[in-house]
Protein backbone atom coordinates (compact mmCIF):
# COMPACT_ATOMS: atom_id res chain seq x y z
CA MET A 1 0.01 0.06 -0.01
CA THR A 2 1.45 3.34 -0.96
CA VAL A 3 2.23 5.47 2.13
CA ARG A 4 0.41 8.99 2.06
CA VAL A 5 2.50 11.85 3.32
CA LEU A 6 1.93 15.44 4.09
CA VAL A 7 4.39 18.20 3.52
CA THR A 8 3.55 21.54 5.33
CA GLY A 9 5.39 24.41 4.05
CA ALA A 10 5.51 22.83 0.54
CA GLY A 11 5.63 26.19 -1.13
CA GLY A 12 8.81 27.08 0.51
CA PHE A 13 12.49 26.20 -0.21
CA ILE A 14 12.99 23.02 1.82
CA GLY A 15 9.41 21.82 1.57
CA HIS A 16 9.34 22.14 -2.18
CA HIS A 17 12.65 20.12 -2.45
CA LEU A 18 11.25 17.58 0.08
CA VAL A 19 8.11 17.06 -2.03
CA LYS A 20 10.33 16.29 -4.98
CA TYR A 21 12.52 14.02 -2.92
CA LEU A 22 9.54 12.01 -1.55
CA LYS A 23 7.79 11.64 -4.91
CA ALA A 24 10.99 10.22 -6.30
CA ARG A 25 10.78 7.50 -3.45
CA GLY A 26 7.22 6.68 -4.36
CA TYR A 27 5.18 8.35 -1.82
CA TRP A 28 1.80 9.71 -2.48
CA VAL A 29 2.28 13.48 -1.38
CA ARG A 30 -0.08 16.25 -0.26
CA GLY A 31 1.62 19.54 -0.22
CA VAL A 32 0.02 22.52 1.84
CA ASP A 33 1.17 26.17 2.28
CA ILE A 34 -0.29 29.60 2.14
CA LYS A 35 1.43 30.23 -1.06
CA PRO A 36 2.61 28.02 -4.04
CA PRO A 37 6.35 27.37 -4.89
CA GLU A 38 8.05 30.46 -6.14
CA PHE A 39 10.19 29.39 -9.00
CA GLU A 40 8.59 26.06 -10.37
CA PRO A 41 5.11 24.07 -10.04
CA SER A 42 4.84 21.59 -7.14
CA PRO A 43 4.99 17.98 -8.27
CA ALA A 44 2.73 17.01 -5.33
CA ASP A 45 -0.09 14.75 -6.04
CA GLU A 46 -2.38 17.32 -4.36
CA PHE A 47 -1.36 20.82 -3.32
CA LEU A 48 -3.75 22.83 -1.04
CA LEU A 49 -3.61 26.52 -0.49
CA LEU A 50 -4.37 26.77 3.20
CA ASP A 51 -3.60 28.99 6.15
CA LEU A 52 -2.50 26.31 8.98
CA ARG A 53 -3.26 29.18 11.63
CA ASP A 54 -6.87 27.86 11.16
CA PHE A 55 -7.34 24.59 13.05
CA GLN A 56 -10.09 23.66 10.53
CA ASN A 57 -7.50 23.87 7.78
CA ALA A 58 -5.10 21.76 9.78
CA LEU A 59 -7.63 19.03 10.19
CA ARG A 60 -8.52 19.22 6.32
CA SER A 61 -4.76 18.82 5.59
CA THR A 62 -4.11 15.79 7.73
CA VAL A 63 -7.09 13.61 6.80
CA GLY A 64 -6.07 10.36 5.28
CA ILE A 65 -2.34 10.94 6.02
CA ASP A 66 0.13 8.55 7.34
CA HIS A 67 3.31 10.59 7.88
CA VAL A 68 3.57 14.37 8.39
CA TYR A 69 6.60 16.39 7.59
CA HIS A 70 5.87 19.70 9.25
CA LEU A 71 8.18 22.54 7.68
CA ALA A 72 5.66 25.27 7.61
CA ALA A 73 6.76 28.31 9.49
CA ASP A 74 6.91 32.17 9.38
CA MET A 75 10.56 32.70 9.12
CA GLY A 76 13.53 34.38 7.32
CA GLY A 77 17.07 35.47 7.67
CA ILE A 78 18.54 37.16 10.66
CA GLY A 79 17.06 40.64 9.61
CA TYR A 80 13.69 39.28 9.67
CA ILE A 81 13.60 37.01 12.54
CA THR A 82 15.07 39.78 14.78
CA GLN A 83 12.45 42.37 13.76
CA TYR A 84 9.20 40.42 14.03
CA HIS A 85 9.40 38.61 17.38
CA ALA A 86 5.57 38.73 18.20
CA SER A 87 4.23 38.01 14.89
CA ILE A 88 6.81 35.15 14.26
CA ALA A 89 6.12 33.62 17.75
CA ARG A 90 2.35 33.92 17.39
CA ASN A 91 2.02 32.65 13.77
CA ASN A 92 4.19 29.68 14.31
CA THR A 93 2.70 28.69 17.71
CA TYR A 94 -0.77 28.52 16.00
CA ILE A 95 0.66 26.64 13.06
CA ASN A 96 2.61 24.10 15.18
CA LEU A 97 -0.06 23.46 17.75
CA ASN A 98 -2.74 23.08 15.10
CA ILE A 99 -1.12 20.63 12.97
CA LEU A 100 0.13 18.58 15.86
CA GLU A 101 -3.35 18.32 17.31
CA ALA A 102 -4.90 17.54 13.94
CA SER A 103 -2.37 14.83 13.43
CA ARG A 104 -3.40 13.20 16.71
CA ILE A 105 -7.08 13.55 15.93
CA ASN A 106 -6.57 11.99 12.29
CA ASP A 107 -4.49 9.09 13.43
CA VAL A 108 -1.23 10.14 11.73
CA HIS A 109 1.33 7.47 12.31
CA ARG A 110 4.50 9.46 12.33
CA PHE A 111 5.22 13.27 12.71
CA PHE A 112 8.61 15.08 11.83
CA PHE A 113 9.04 18.51 13.13
CA SER A 114 11.75 20.93 11.69
CA SER A 115 13.27 22.76 14.60
CA SER A 116 16.25 25.05 14.42
CA ALA A 117 19.83 25.73 15.76
CA CYS A 118 18.00 28.85 17.08
CA VAL A 119 16.89 26.98 19.96
CA TYR A 120 20.46 26.99 21.47
CA PRO A 121 21.28 29.27 24.48
CA GLN A 122 22.56 32.81 23.53
CA TYR A 123 24.94 32.45 26.34
CA LEU A 124 26.79 29.63 24.59
CA GLN A 125 27.28 31.58 21.37
CA LYS A 126 29.25 34.70 22.37
CA ASP A 127 32.56 33.57 20.80
CA PRO A 128 33.22 33.20 17.09
CA ASN A 129 35.50 30.26 18.02
CA ILE A 130 32.67 28.32 19.28
CA THR A 131 32.67 24.69 20.23
CA GLY A 132 30.05 22.77 18.33
CA LEU A 133 26.72 22.73 20.04
CA LYS A 134 25.42 19.45 21.47
CA GLU A 135 21.72 18.53 21.64
CA SER A 136 22.01 18.45 25.39
CA ASP A 137 23.24 22.02 25.32
CA ALA A 138 19.49 23.32 24.70
CA TRP A 139 18.84 23.22 28.31
CA PRO A 140 19.13 25.50 30.49
CA ALA A 141 17.57 27.40 27.93
CA GLU A 142 18.12 31.00 26.46
CA PRO A 143 16.95 30.65 22.82
CA GLU A 144 16.91 33.03 20.10
CA GLU A 145 14.00 35.50 20.94
CA GLY A 146 10.73 34.86 19.13
CA TYR A 147 11.70 32.29 16.52
CA GLY A 148 13.98 30.18 18.65
CA LEU A 149 11.69 30.07 21.64
CA GLU A 150 8.64 28.86 19.69
CA LYS A 151 10.78 26.15 18.12
CA LEU A 152 12.02 24.99 21.61
CA PHE A 153 8.42 25.05 22.83
CA MET A 154 7.20 22.98 20.00
CA GLU A 155 10.14 20.38 20.65
CA LYS A 156 8.55 19.90 24.02
CA MET A 157 5.10 19.59 22.60
CA CYS A 158 6.16 16.76 20.27
CA GLU A 159 7.63 15.10 23.44
CA TYR A 160 4.48 15.50 25.22
CA TYR A 161 2.28 14.11 22.48
CA ARG A 162 4.54 11.11 22.11
CA GLU A 163 4.50 10.40 25.79
CA GLN A 164 0.65 11.17 26.35
CA TYR A 165 -0.70 10.01 23.11
CA GLY A 166 1.59 7.67 21.55
CA LEU A 167 2.31 9.76 18.45
CA GLU A 168 5.58 8.95 16.86
CA THR A 169 7.43 12.33 16.76
CA ARG A 170 10.98 12.98 15.33
CA VAL A 171 12.71 16.26 15.54
CA ALA A 172 15.65 17.86 13.59
CA ARG A 173 17.61 20.95 14.59
CA PHE A 174 18.39 22.59 11.15
CA HIS A 175 21.84 24.41 10.91
CA ASN A 176 21.45 26.98 7.95
CA VAL A 177 20.08 25.09 4.76
CA TYR A 178 20.94 26.73 1.50
CA GLY A 179 20.63 25.69 -2.26
CA PRO A 180 18.98 26.59 -5.51
CA LEU A 181 15.28 27.42 -5.53
CA GLY A 182 15.70 29.42 -2.26
CA THR A 183 14.58 32.98 -1.52
CA TYR A 184 17.47 35.30 -2.52
CA GLU A 185 15.94 38.76 -1.95
CA GLY A 186 13.04 40.74 -0.19
CA GLY A 187 14.41 40.45 3.35
CA ARG A 188 13.65 36.74 4.26
CA GLU A 189 16.59 35.24 2.39
CA LYS A 190 19.45 33.69 4.46
CA ALA A 191 23.13 34.84 4.33
CA PRO A 192 24.39 32.49 1.50
CA ALA A 193 21.60 33.69 -0.90
CA ALA A 194 21.92 37.22 -0.01
CA LEU A 195 25.63 37.24 -0.60
CA CYS A 196 25.28 35.22 -3.88
CA ARG A 197 22.74 38.03 -5.08
CA LYS A 198 24.99 40.74 -3.91
CA ILE A 199 28.04 39.32 -5.69
CA ALA A 200 26.17 38.44 -8.91
CA LEU A 201 24.93 42.18 -9.09
CA ALA A 202 28.44 43.41 -8.48
CA ARG A 203 30.96 44.23 -11.05
CA ASP A 204 34.59 42.90 -10.69
CA GLY A 205 36.40 45.13 -7.95
CA ASP A 206 33.17 46.50 -6.61
CA GLU A 207 32.37 46.75 -2.95
CA ILE A 208 29.26 44.90 -1.17
CA GLU A 209 27.81 45.40 2.15
CA VAL A 210 28.37 42.73 4.85
CA TRP A 211 26.16 42.80 7.95
CA GLY A 212 28.40 43.16 11.23
CA ASP A 213 32.10 42.81 11.28
CA GLY A 214 32.07 39.50 9.19
CA ASN A 215 33.89 37.53 11.98
CA GLN A 216 30.71 36.03 13.15
CA THR A 217 30.91 32.22 12.45
CA ARG A 218 28.12 29.71 11.09
CA SER A 219 27.91 26.28 9.39
CA PHE A 220 25.89 25.83 6.29
CA MET A 221 24.23 22.60 4.99
CA TYR A 222 23.33 21.91 1.45
CA ILE A 223 19.81 21.02 0.46
CA ASP A 224 20.61 17.62 -0.61
CA ASP A 225 21.97 16.71 2.80
CA ALA A 226 19.09 18.23 4.43
CA LEU A 227 16.62 16.14 2.63
CA GLU A 228 18.54 12.84 3.21
CA GLY A 229 18.73 13.86 6.77
CA ILE A 230 15.10 14.58 7.22
CA TYR A 231 14.25 11.15 5.62
CA ARG A 232 16.75 9.22 7.84
CA ILE A 233 15.61 10.99 10.93
CA MET A 234 11.87 10.33 10.26
CA HIS A 235 12.38 6.73 9.61
CA SER A 236 14.84 6.13 12.65
CA ASP A 237 13.89 4.86 16.08
CA TYR A 238 15.34 7.99 17.78
CA PRO A 239 12.43 10.15 19.14
CA HIS A 240 14.72 13.09 20.53
CA PRO A 241 16.14 16.28 18.77
CA LEU A 242 19.01 15.64 16.44
CA ASN A 243 21.27 18.43 14.92
CA LEU A 244 21.13 18.27 11.25
CA GLY A 245 24.02 20.50 9.91
CA THR A 246 27.58 20.42 9.07
CA GLU A 247 30.73 20.83 11.17
CA GLU A 248 32.32 23.11 8.56
CA MET A 249 32.39 26.53 10.27
CA VAL A 250 33.37 29.62 8.59
CA THR A 251 33.25 33.35 9.25
CA ILE A 252 30.85 35.34 7.04
CA ASN A 253 33.91 37.05 5.49
CA GLU A 254 35.30 33.81 4.41
CA LEU A 255 31.73 32.91 2.98
CA VAL A 256 32.07 36.25 0.91
CA ASP A 257 35.48 35.23 -0.31
CA ILE A 258 34.30 31.68 -1.44
CA ILE A 259 31.38 33.08 -3.47
CA ALA A 260 33.51 35.58 -4.86
CA GLU A 261 36.00 33.04 -6.05
CA ILE A 262 33.21 30.99 -7.68
CA ALA A 263 32.05 34.18 -9.40
CA GLY A 264 35.42 34.95 -10.61
CA LYS A 265 35.26 38.54 -9.13
CA ARG A 266 37.34 40.64 -6.84
CA ILE A 267 34.91 41.83 -4.18
CA ARG A 268 35.61 44.39 -1.36
CA LYS A 269 33.65 44.38 1.65
CA ARG A 270 31.96 47.15 3.66
CA HIS A 271 30.95 46.23 6.98
CA ASP A 272 27.73 47.62 8.42
CA LEU A 273 27.76 47.29 12.18
CA SER A 274 24.33 48.69 12.55
CA LYS A 275 22.77 45.68 11.00
CA PRO A 276 21.66 42.59 12.83
CA GLN A 277 24.28 39.86 12.77
CA GLY A 278 22.86 37.27 15.33
CA VAL A 279 25.01 35.19 17.70
CA ARG A 280 28.85 35.55 17.36
CA GLY A 281 29.54 32.01 16.77
CA ARG A 282 27.29 28.86 15.93
CA ASN A 283 28.27 25.36 15.02
CA SER A 284 26.90 21.98 14.96
CA ASP A 285 28.28 19.08 16.93
CA ASN A 286 27.49 15.87 14.94
CA THR A 287 28.50 13.19 17.42
CA LEU A 288 25.03 12.22 18.13
CA ILE A 289 23.60 12.03 14.75
CA ARG A 290 26.67 9.91 13.69
CA LYS A 291 26.05 7.60 16.49
CA VAL A 292 22.20 7.23 15.82
CA LEU A 293 22.16 7.25 11.91
CA GLY A 294 25.74 6.17 11.04
CA TRP A 295 25.58 9.16 8.70
CA GLU A 296 25.93 13.01 8.73
CA PRO A 297 25.61 15.83 6.09
CA SER A 298 28.82 15.76 4.00
CA THR A 299 28.60 18.23 1.10
CA PRO A 300 31.54 20.74 1.26
CA LEU A 301 30.63 24.35 1.39
CA ARG A 302 32.14 25.33 -1.65
CA GLU A 303 30.79 22.31 -3.53
CA GLY A 304 27.05 23.38 -2.54
CA LEU A 305 27.64 27.04 -3.32
CA VAL A 306 28.66 26.39 -6.84
CA PRO A 307 25.16 25.44 -8.09
CA THR A 308 23.41 27.80 -5.50
CA TYR A 309 25.31 30.70 -6.99
CA ARG A 310 24.96 29.78 -10.57
CA TRP A 311 21.18 29.37 -10.09
CA ILE A 312 20.80 32.87 -8.38
CA GLU A 313 22.93 34.43 -11.18
CA SER A 314 20.65 32.72 -13.82
CA GLU A 315 17.47 34.06 -12.07
CA LEU A 316 18.88 37.61 -12.06
CA ARG A 317 19.92 37.21 -15.71
CA LYS A 318 16.29 36.23 -16.55
CA ARG A 319 15.06 39.22 -15.11
CA GLY A 320 17.28 41.47 -16.97
CA LEU A 321 19.31 42.58 -14.17
CA LEU A 322 22.60 40.98 -15.48
CA THR A 323 23.93 41.44 -18.88
């Protein structure tokens, strides 16, 4: 019998890719989002335009579904999530609780939740030379305001629903996913896409704006690794949160240099210390995911940035913004 799955947030970057991934594996897929995919049609067997802040829409979404991959969220890059704490926390809490309760009511067998490295305490992320964050570091808590707090709350709700109702829940803490078909402008884009756009639009020798001093550190995970990790975590026997990211940490300045080299351009940096830059350092510790799955994300950053940059460059060219 064909397993029927629901992907919430199927109009977004990761969700759209996940629909394609699951279709290729033979699943029947229902996609749900408040908007359709931005750059190409969804291959979902059924795509519903629904606002999951409405509980009746969450119930409709989960009827006849075996597995739920819950990725829907009001989110964006550091500029967005630091500006809209109230609306992000409100919207995502409604979405999360609605889809979790609807899954219980409609007898969903297994539920995946996409959490975030933003759940980790800010007091552990004040040094750019950070030691990788382990899953156990999340408590005592001091998550990113708004977005990180609601993610941490939902992690506990997954735990409670598993314990009280027997719903098999799985949780992954994403560490900065990037790749083609992602948002690259408008305020919700993440750092790799924003910098790819800026460098693609720049001429050789130009200067681009970099938020902060550029010494803040992060790790970035290519979309193909994210999809494989989501699927492996969903089908594992491990019910607790797992980091899903790479351990290849770079400064934002180094990220600029890698993209500039891919573009074949000499790029100067103008640092804007007035712009949000988030925590000083954040990196994944993959000890637990290696132990649980015998696997971890492995795509080198430069390797993943090549198709990402080329895709953004081609999109800008299609729009007549590049000659």
